[in-house]
Amino acid sequence: MLVGLLSLSLLTAALATGLGLGIGMPLWLGLVTFPMIGSVTLLLLSALLYGLRAQSHAPDRATPAEGEHALA
């Protein structure tokens, strides 16, 4: 999963930087934006996956578990 996240963030950063350089962005700005876009993409993807996994593994708290009292 980690390799997939890293690959997707690398691909996103490369595409965004290539598109920016293609429309006339200076090279120095491309070198600055590449790691920034990659880091932001990795952060957002990992937060999204963490939220989805936490939501799917969350125990159902609507009914008390065995041995739990309603007033406890």
PDB file of N, CA and C in Angstrom:
ATOM      1  N   MET A   1       0.823  -1.181   0.000  1.00  0.00           N
ATOM      2  CA  MET A   1       0.000   0.000   0.000  1.00  0.00           C
ATOM      3  C   MET A   1       0.878   1.260   0.000  1.00  0.00           C
ATOM      4  N   LEU A   2       1.964   1.215   0.742  1.00  0.00           N
ATOM      5  CA  LEU A   2       2.856   2.366   0.799  1.00  0.00           C
ATOM      6  C   LEU A   2       3.483   2.639  -0.563  1.00  0.00           C
ATOM      7  N   VAL A   3       3.845   1.584  -1.251  1.00  0.00           N
ATOM      8  CA  VAL A   3       4.438   1.755  -2.582  1.00  0.00           C
ATOM      9  C   VAL A   3       3.415   2.371  -3.535  1.00  0.00           C
ATOM     10  N   GLY A   4       2.164   1.970  -3.414  1.00  0.00           N
ATOM     11  CA  GLY A   4       1.114   2.544  -4.244  1.00  0.00           C
ATOM     12  C   GLY A   4       0.908   4.024  -3.969  1.00  0.00           C
ATOM     13  N   LEU A   5       0.918   4.394  -2.690  1.00  0.00           N
ATOM     14  CA  LEU A   5       0.773   5.811  -2.329  1.00  0.00           C
ATOM     15  C   LEU A   5       1.939   6.633  -2.865  1.00  0.00           C
ATOM     16  N   LEU A   6       3.140   6.119  -2.697  1.00  0.00           N
ATOM     17  CA  LEU A   6       4.318   6.835  -3.188  1.00  0.00           C
ATOM     18  C   LEU A   6       4.310   6.945  -4.709  1.00  0.00           C
ATOM     19  N   SER A   7       3.913   5.868  -5.374  1.00  0.00           N
ATOM     20  CA  SER A   7       3.875   5.890  -6.843  1.00  0.00           C
ATOM     21  C   SER A   7       2.839   6.875  -7.348  1.00  0.00           C
ATOM     22  N   LEU A   8       1.680   6.891  -6.727  1.00  0.00           N
ATOM     23  CA  LEU A   8       0.631   7.806  -7.160  1.00  0.00           C
ATOM     24  C   LEU A   8       1.014   9.259  -6.903  1.00  0.00           C
ATOM     25  N   SER A   9       1.644   9.535  -5.765  1.00  0.00           N
ATOM     26  CA  SER A   9       2.064  10.916  -5.498  1.00  0.00           C
ATOM     27  C   SER A   9       3.192  11.337  -6.441  1.00  0.00           C
ATOM     28  N   LEU A  10       4.102  10.426  -6.750  1.00  0.00           N
ATOM     29  CA  LEU A  10       5.175  10.729  -7.699  1.00  0.00           C
ATOM     30  C   LEU A  10       4.609  10.998  -9.089  1.00  0.00           C
ATOM     31  N   LEU A  11       3.652  10.182  -9.507  1.00  0.00           N
ATOM     32  CA  LEU A  11       3.042  10.365 -10.818  1.00  0.00           C
ATOM     33  C   LEU A  11       2.270  11.679 -10.894  1.00  0.00           C
ATOM     34  N   THR A  12       1.545  12.010  -9.843  1.00  0.00           N
ATOM     35  CA  THR A  12       0.798  13.265  -9.816  1.00  0.00           C
ATOM     36  C   THR A  12       1.739  14.461  -9.882  1.00  0.00           C
ATOM     37  N   ALA A  13       2.811  14.417  -9.097  1.00  0.00           N
ATOM     38  CA  ALA A  13       3.773  15.520  -9.104  1.00  0.00           C
ATOM     39  C   ALA A  13       4.463  15.647 -10.455  1.00  0.00           C
ATOM     40  N   ALA A  14       4.812  14.515 -11.053  1.00  0.00           N
ATOM     41  CA  ALA A  14       5.472  14.556 -12.360  1.00  0.00           C
ATOM     42  C   ALA A  14       4.548  15.109 -13.440  1.00  0.00           C
ATOM     43  N   LEU A  15       3.289  14.686 -13.419  1.00  0.00           N
ATOM     44  CA  LEU A  15       2.336  15.203 -14.411  1.00  0.00           C
ATOM     45  C   LEU A  15       2.075  16.695 -14.229  1.00  0.00           C
ATOM     46  N   ALA A  16       1.913  17.125 -12.990  1.00  0.00           N
ATOM     47  CA  ALA A  16       1.660  18.546 -12.736  1.00  0.00           C
ATOM     48  C   ALA A  16       2.872  19.399 -13.119  1.00  0.00           C
ATOM     49  N   THR A  17       4.059  18.917 -12.787  1.00  0.00           N
ATOM     50  CA  THR A  17       5.271  19.658 -13.136  1.00  0.00           C
ATOM     51  C   THR A  17       5.484  19.669 -14.647  1.00  0.00           C
ATOM     52  N   GLY A  18       5.267  18.535 -15.282  1.00  0.00           N
ATOM     53  CA  GLY A  18       5.397  18.479 -16.745  1.00  0.00           C
ATOM     54  C   GLY A  18       4.407  19.376 -17.438  1.00  0.00           C
ATOM     55  N   LEU A  19       3.187  19.415 -16.938  1.00  0.00           N
ATOM     56  CA  LEU A  19       2.183  20.307 -17.515  1.00  0.00           C
ATOM     57  C   LEU A  19       2.572  21.767 -17.301  1.00  0.00           C
ATOM     58  N   GLY A  20       3.075  22.072 -16.120  1.00  0.00           N
ATOM     59  CA  GLY A  20       3.507  23.447 -15.847  1.00  0.00           C
ATOM     60  C   GLY A  20       4.666  23.869 -16.724  1.00  0.00           C
ATOM     61  N   LEU A  21       5.633  22.978 -16.885  1.00  0.00           N
ATOM     62  CA  LEU A  21       6.768  23.298 -17.752  1.00  0.00           C
ATOM     63  C   LEU A  21       6.330  23.387 -19.203  1.00  0.00           C
ATOM     64  N   GLY A  22       5.339  22.597 -19.560  1.00  0.00           N
ATOM     65  CA  GLY A  22       4.842  22.630 -20.937  1.00  0.00           C
ATOM     66  C   GLY A  22       4.142  23.926 -21.284  1.00  0.00           C
ATOM     67  N   ILE A  23       3.528  24.568 -20.309  1.00  0.00           N
ATOM     68  CA  ILE A  23       2.835  25.827 -20.608  1.00  0.00           C
ATOM     69  C   ILE A  23       3.707  27.047 -20.331  1.00  0.00           C
ATOM     70  N   GLY A  24       4.981  26.814 -20.027  1.00  0.00           N
ATOM     71  CA  GLY A  24       5.906  27.934 -19.936  1.00  0.00           C
ATOM     72  C   GLY A  24       6.366  28.300 -18.537  1.00  0.00           C
ATOM     73  N   MET A  25       6.149  27.443 -17.564  1.00  0.00           N
ATOM     74  CA  MET A  25       6.622  27.725 -16.213  1.00  0.00           C
ATOM     75  C   MET A  25       8.157  27.618 -16.202  1.00  0.00           C
ATOM     76  N   PRO A  26       8.847  28.512 -15.505  1.00  0.00           N
ATOM     77  CA  PRO A  26      10.318  28.429 -15.464  1.00  0.00           C
ATOM     78  C   PRO A  26      10.784  27.129 -14.792  1.00  0.00           C
ATOM     79  N   LEU A  27      11.961  26.679 -15.179  1.00  0.00           N
ATOM     80  CA  LEU A  27      12.493  25.420 -14.663  1.00  0.00           C
ATOM     81  C   LEU A  27      12.688  25.468 -13.158  1.00  0.00           C
ATOM     82  N   TRP A  28      13.171  26.589 -12.623  1.00  0.00           N
ATOM     83  CA  TRP A  28      13.412  26.664 -11.180  1.00  0.00           C
ATOM     84  C   TRP A  28      12.103  26.532 -10.404  1.00  0.00           C
ATOM     85  N   LEU A  29      11.022  27.057 -10.961  1.00  0.00           N
ATOM     86  CA  LEU A  29       9.724  26.930 -10.308  1.00  0.00           C
ATOM     87  C   LEU A  29       9.214  25.495 -10.392  1.00  0.00           C
ATOM     88  N   GLY A  30       9.519  24.826 -11.482  1.00  0.00           N
ATOM     89  CA  GLY A  30       9.163  23.410 -11.608  1.00  0.00           C
ATOM     90  C   GLY A  30       9.891  22.556 -10.596  1.00  0.00           C
ATOM     91  N   LEU A  31      11.157  22.880 -10.351  1.00  0.00           N
ATOM     92  CA  LEU A  31      11.925  22.125  -9.357  1.00  0.00           C
ATOM     93  C   LEU A  31      11.427  22.370  -7.940  1.00  0.00           C
ATOM     94  N   VAL A  32      10.829  23.518  -7.696  1.00  0.00           N
ATOM     95  CA  VAL A  32      10.267  23.823  -6.382  1.00  0.00           C
ATOM     96  C   VAL A  32       8.894  23.171  -6.221  1.00  0.00           C
ATOM     97  N   THR A  33       8.096  23.202  -7.265  1.00  0.00           N
ATOM     98  CA  THR A  33       6.729  22.685  -7.144  1.00  0.00           C
ATOM     99  C   THR A  33       6.655  21.167  -7.133  1.00  0.00           C
ATOM    100  N   PHE A  34       7.616  20.482  -7.740  1.00  0.00           N
ATOM    101  CA  PHE A  34       7.565  19.019  -7.802  1.00  0.00           C
ATOM    102  C   PHE A  34       7.484  18.385  -6.416  1.00  0.00           C
ATOM    103  N   PRO A  35       8.401  18.691  -5.475  1.00  0.00           N
ATOM    104  CA  PRO A  35       8.281  18.056  -4.155  1.00  0.00           C
ATOM    105  C   PRO A  35       7.077  18.547  -3.354  1.00  0.00           C
ATOM    106  N   MET A  36       6.670  19.791  -3.596  1.00  0.00           N
ATOM    107  CA  MET A  36       5.511  20.302  -2.865  1.00  0.00           C
ATOM    108  C   MET A  36       4.233  19.585  -3.287  1.00  0.00           C
ATOM    109  N   ILE A  37       4.042  19.411  -4.569  1.00  0.00           N
ATOM    110  CA  ILE A  37       2.849  18.722  -5.060  1.00  0.00           C
ATOM    111  C   ILE A  37       2.877  17.256  -4.642  1.00  0.00           C
ATOM    112  N   GLY A  38       4.041  16.640  -4.711  1.00  0.00           N
ATOM    113  CA  GLY A  38       4.156  15.245  -4.287  1.00  0.00           C
ATOM    114  C   GLY A  38       3.854  15.064  -2.808  1.00  0.00           C
ATOM    115  N   SER A  39       4.337  15.962  -1.973  1.00  0.00           N
ATOM    116  CA  SER A  39       4.091  15.863  -0.535  1.00  0.00           C
ATOM    117  C   SER A  39       2.627  16.095  -0.186  1.00  0.00           C
ATOM    118  N   VAL A  40       2.024  17.082  -0.812  1.00  0.00           N
ATOM    119  CA  VAL A  40       0.611  17.366  -0.553  1.00  0.00           C
ATOM    120  C   VAL A  40      -0.261  16.197  -1.021  1.00  0.00           C
ATOM    121  N   THR A  41       0.057  15.639  -2.173  1.00  0.00           N
ATOM    122  CA  THR A  41      -0.705  14.495  -2.678  1.00  0.00           C
ATOM    123  C   THR A  41      -0.575  13.305  -1.747  1.00  0.00           C
ATOM    124  N   LEU A  42       0.638  13.035  -1.280  1.00  0.00           N
ATOM    125  CA  LEU A  42       0.851  11.916  -0.359  1.00  0.00           C
ATOM    126  C   LEU A  42       0.104  12.139   0.949  1.00  0.00           C
ATOM    127  N   LEU A  43       0.122  13.347   1.461  1.00  0.00           N
ATOM    128  CA  LEU A  43      -0.591  13.659   2.694  1.00  0.00           C
ATOM    129  C   LEU A  43      -2.097  13.478   2.531  1.00  0.00           C
ATOM    130  N   LEU A  44      -2.659  13.999   1.457  1.00  0.00           N
ATOM    131  CA  LEU A  44      -4.097  13.887   1.240  1.00  0.00           C
ATOM    132  C   LEU A  44      -4.541  12.442   1.006  1.00  0.00           C
ATOM    133  N   LEU A  45      -3.763  11.694   0.231  1.00  0.00           N
ATOM    134  CA  LEU A  45      -4.121  10.300  -0.014  1.00  0.00           C
ATOM    135  C   LEU A  45      -4.039   9.457   1.253  1.00  0.00           C
ATOM    136  N   SER A  46      -3.012   9.681   2.062  1.00  0.00           N
ATOM    137  CA  SER A  46      -2.894   8.899   3.293  1.00  0.00           C
ATOM    138  C   SER A  46      -3.992   9.266   4.284  1.00  0.00           C
ATOM    139  N   ALA A  47      -4.369  10.538   4.350  1.00  0.00           N
ATOM    140  CA  ALA A  47      -5.472  10.933   5.229  1.00  0.00           C
ATOM    141  C   ALA A  47      -6.791  10.341   4.742  1.00  0.00           C
ATOM    142  N   LEU A  48      -6.993  10.313   3.438  1.00  0.00           N
ATOM    143  CA  LEU A  48      -8.206   9.725   2.883  1.00  0.00           C
ATOM    144  C   LEU A  48      -8.276   8.229   3.187  1.00  0.00           C
ATOM    145  N   LEU A  49      -7.185   7.524   2.965  1.00  0.00           N
ATOM    146  CA  LEU A  49      -7.167   6.087   3.255  1.00  0.00           C
ATOM    147  C   LEU A  49      -7.328   5.807   4.742  1.00  0.00           C
ATOM    148  N   TYR A  50      -6.714   6.612   5.578  1.00  0.00           N
ATOM    149  CA  TYR A  50      -6.858   6.439   7.025  1.00  0.00           C
ATOM    150  C   TYR A  50      -8.309   6.626   7.449  1.00  0.00           C
ATOM    151  N   GLY A  51      -8.963   7.632   6.897  1.00  0.00           N
ATOM    152  CA  GLY A  51     -10.362   7.875   7.226  1.00  0.00           C
ATOM    153  C   GLY A  51     -11.263   6.753   6.744  1.00  0.00           C
ATOM    154  N   LEU A  52     -11.000   6.254   5.544  1.00  0.00           N
ATOM    155  CA  LEU A  52     -11.822   5.162   5.020  1.00  0.00           C
ATOM    156  C   LEU A  52     -11.625   3.879   5.818  1.00  0.00           C
ATOM    157  N   ARG A  53     -10.388   3.585   6.196  1.00  0.00           N
ATOM    158  CA  ARG A  53     -10.123   2.378   6.976  1.00  0.00           C
ATOM    159  C   ARG A  53     -10.692   2.489   8.383  1.00  0.00           C
ATOM    160  N   ALA A  54     -10.608   3.659   8.979  1.00  0.00           N
ATOM    161  CA  ALA A  54     -11.146   3.838  10.323  1.00  0.00           C
ATOM    162  C   ALA A  54     -12.666   3.726  10.302  1.00  0.00           C
ATOM    163  N   GLN A  55     -13.279   4.208   9.252  1.00  0.00           N
ATOM    164  CA  GLN A  55     -14.724   4.137   9.139  1.00  0.00           C
ATOM    165  C   GLN A  55     -15.181   2.692   8.947  1.00  0.00           C
ATOM    166  N   SER A  56     -14.441   1.898   8.199  1.00  0.00           N
ATOM    167  CA  SER A  56     -14.851   0.521   7.937  1.00  0.00           C
ATOM    168  C   SER A  56     -14.567  -0.401   9.121  1.00  0.00           C
ATOM    169  N   HIS A  57     -13.604  -0.047   9.974  1.00  0.00           N
ATOM    170  CA  HIS A  57     -13.255  -0.888  11.115  1.00  0.00           C
ATOM    171  C   HIS A  57     -13.848  -0.394  12.424  1.00  0.00           C
ATOM    172  N   ALA A  58     -14.647   0.651  12.382  1.00  0.00           N
ATOM    173  CA  ALA A  58     -15.219   1.210  13.603  1.00  0.00           C
ATOM    174  C   ALA A  58     -16.282   0.249  14.155  1.00  0.00           C
ATOM    175  N   PRO A  59     -16.230  -0.027  15.464  1.00  0.00           N
ATOM    176  CA  PRO A  59     -17.255  -0.895  16.041  1.00  0.00           C
ATOM    177  C   PRO A  59     -18.594  -0.164  16.122  1.00  0.00           C
ATOM    178  N   ASP A  60     -19.649  -0.913  16.046  1.00  0.00           N
ATOM    179  CA  ASP A  60     -20.991  -0.343  16.126  1.00  0.00           C
ATOM    180  C   ASP A  60     -21.307  -0.042  17.579  1.00  0.00           C
ATOM    181  N   ARG A  61     -21.477   1.219  17.906  1.00  0.00           N
ATOM    182  CA  ARG A  61     -21.724   1.634  19.285  1.00  0.00           C
ATOM    183  C   ARG A  61     -23.206   1.875  19.559  1.00  0.00           C
ATOM    184  N   ALA A  62     -24.080   1.517  18.626  1.00  0.00           N
ATOM    185  CA  ALA A  62     -25.504   1.756  18.829  1.00  0.00           C
ATOM    186  C   ALA A  62     -26.064   0.836  19.906  1.00  0.00           C
ATOM    187  N   THR A  63     -25.552  -0.379  19.976  1.00  0.00           N
ATOM    188  CA  THR A  63     -26.010  -1.319  20.998  1.00  0.00           C
ATOM    189  C   THR A  63     -24.841  -1.623  21.924  1.00  0.00           C
ATOM    190  N   PRO A  64     -25.095  -1.761  23.232  1.00  0.00           N
ATOM    191  CA  PRO A  64     -24.008  -2.069  24.156  1.00  0.00           C
ATOM    192  C   PRO A  64     -23.456  -3.478  23.916  1.00  0.00           C
ATOM    193  N   ALA A  65     -22.172  -3.622  24.131  1.00  0.00           N
ATOM    194  CA  ALA A  65     -21.526  -4.926  23.954  1.00  0.00           C
ATOM    195  C   ALA A  65     -21.937  -5.844  25.080  1.00  0.00           C
ATOM    196  N   GLU A  66     -21.607  -7.102  24.931  1.00  0.00           N
ATOM    197  CA  GLU A  66     -21.917  -8.084  25.960  1.00  0.00           C
ATOM    198  C   GLU A  66     -21.199  -7.727  27.248  1.00  0.00           C
ATOM    199  N   GLY A  67     -21.928  -7.736  28.335  1.00  0.00           N
ATOM    200  CA  GLY A  67     -21.350  -7.423  29.626  1.00  0.00           C
ATOM    201  C   GLY A  67     -21.364  -5.955  29.960  1.00  0.00           C
ATOM    202  N   GLU A  68     -21.691  -5.097  29.013  1.00  0.00           N
ATOM    203  CA  GLU A  68     -21.765  -3.667  29.271  1.00  0.00           C
ATOM    204  C   GLU A  68     -23.165  -3.305  29.759  1.00  0.00           C
ATOM    205  N   HIS A  69     -23.230  -2.467  30.731  1.00  0.00           N
ATOM    206  CA  HIS A  69     -24.528  -2.010  31.205  1.00  0.00           C
ATOM    207  C   HIS A  69     -24.856  -0.676  30.546  1.00  0.00           C
ATOM    208  N   ALA A  70     -26.135  -0.415  30.381  1.00  0.00           N
ATOM    209  CA  ALA A  70     -26.562   0.797  29.690  1.00  0.00           C
ATOM    210  C   ALA A  70     -26.217   2.048  30.478  1.00  0.00           C
ATOM    211  N   LEU A  71     -26.156   1.954  31.797  1.00  0.00           N
ATOM    212  CA  LEU A  71     -25.884   3.136  32.613  1.00  0.00           C
ATOM    213  C   LEU A  71     -24.400   3.317  32.922  1.00  0.00           C
ATOM    214  N   ALA A  72     -23.570   2.374  32.553  1.00  0.00           N
ATOM    215  CA  ALA A  72     -22.149   2.454  32.897  1.00  0.00           C
ATOM    216  C   ALA A  72     -21.416   3.456  32.053  1.00  0.00           C
TER     217      ALA A  72
END
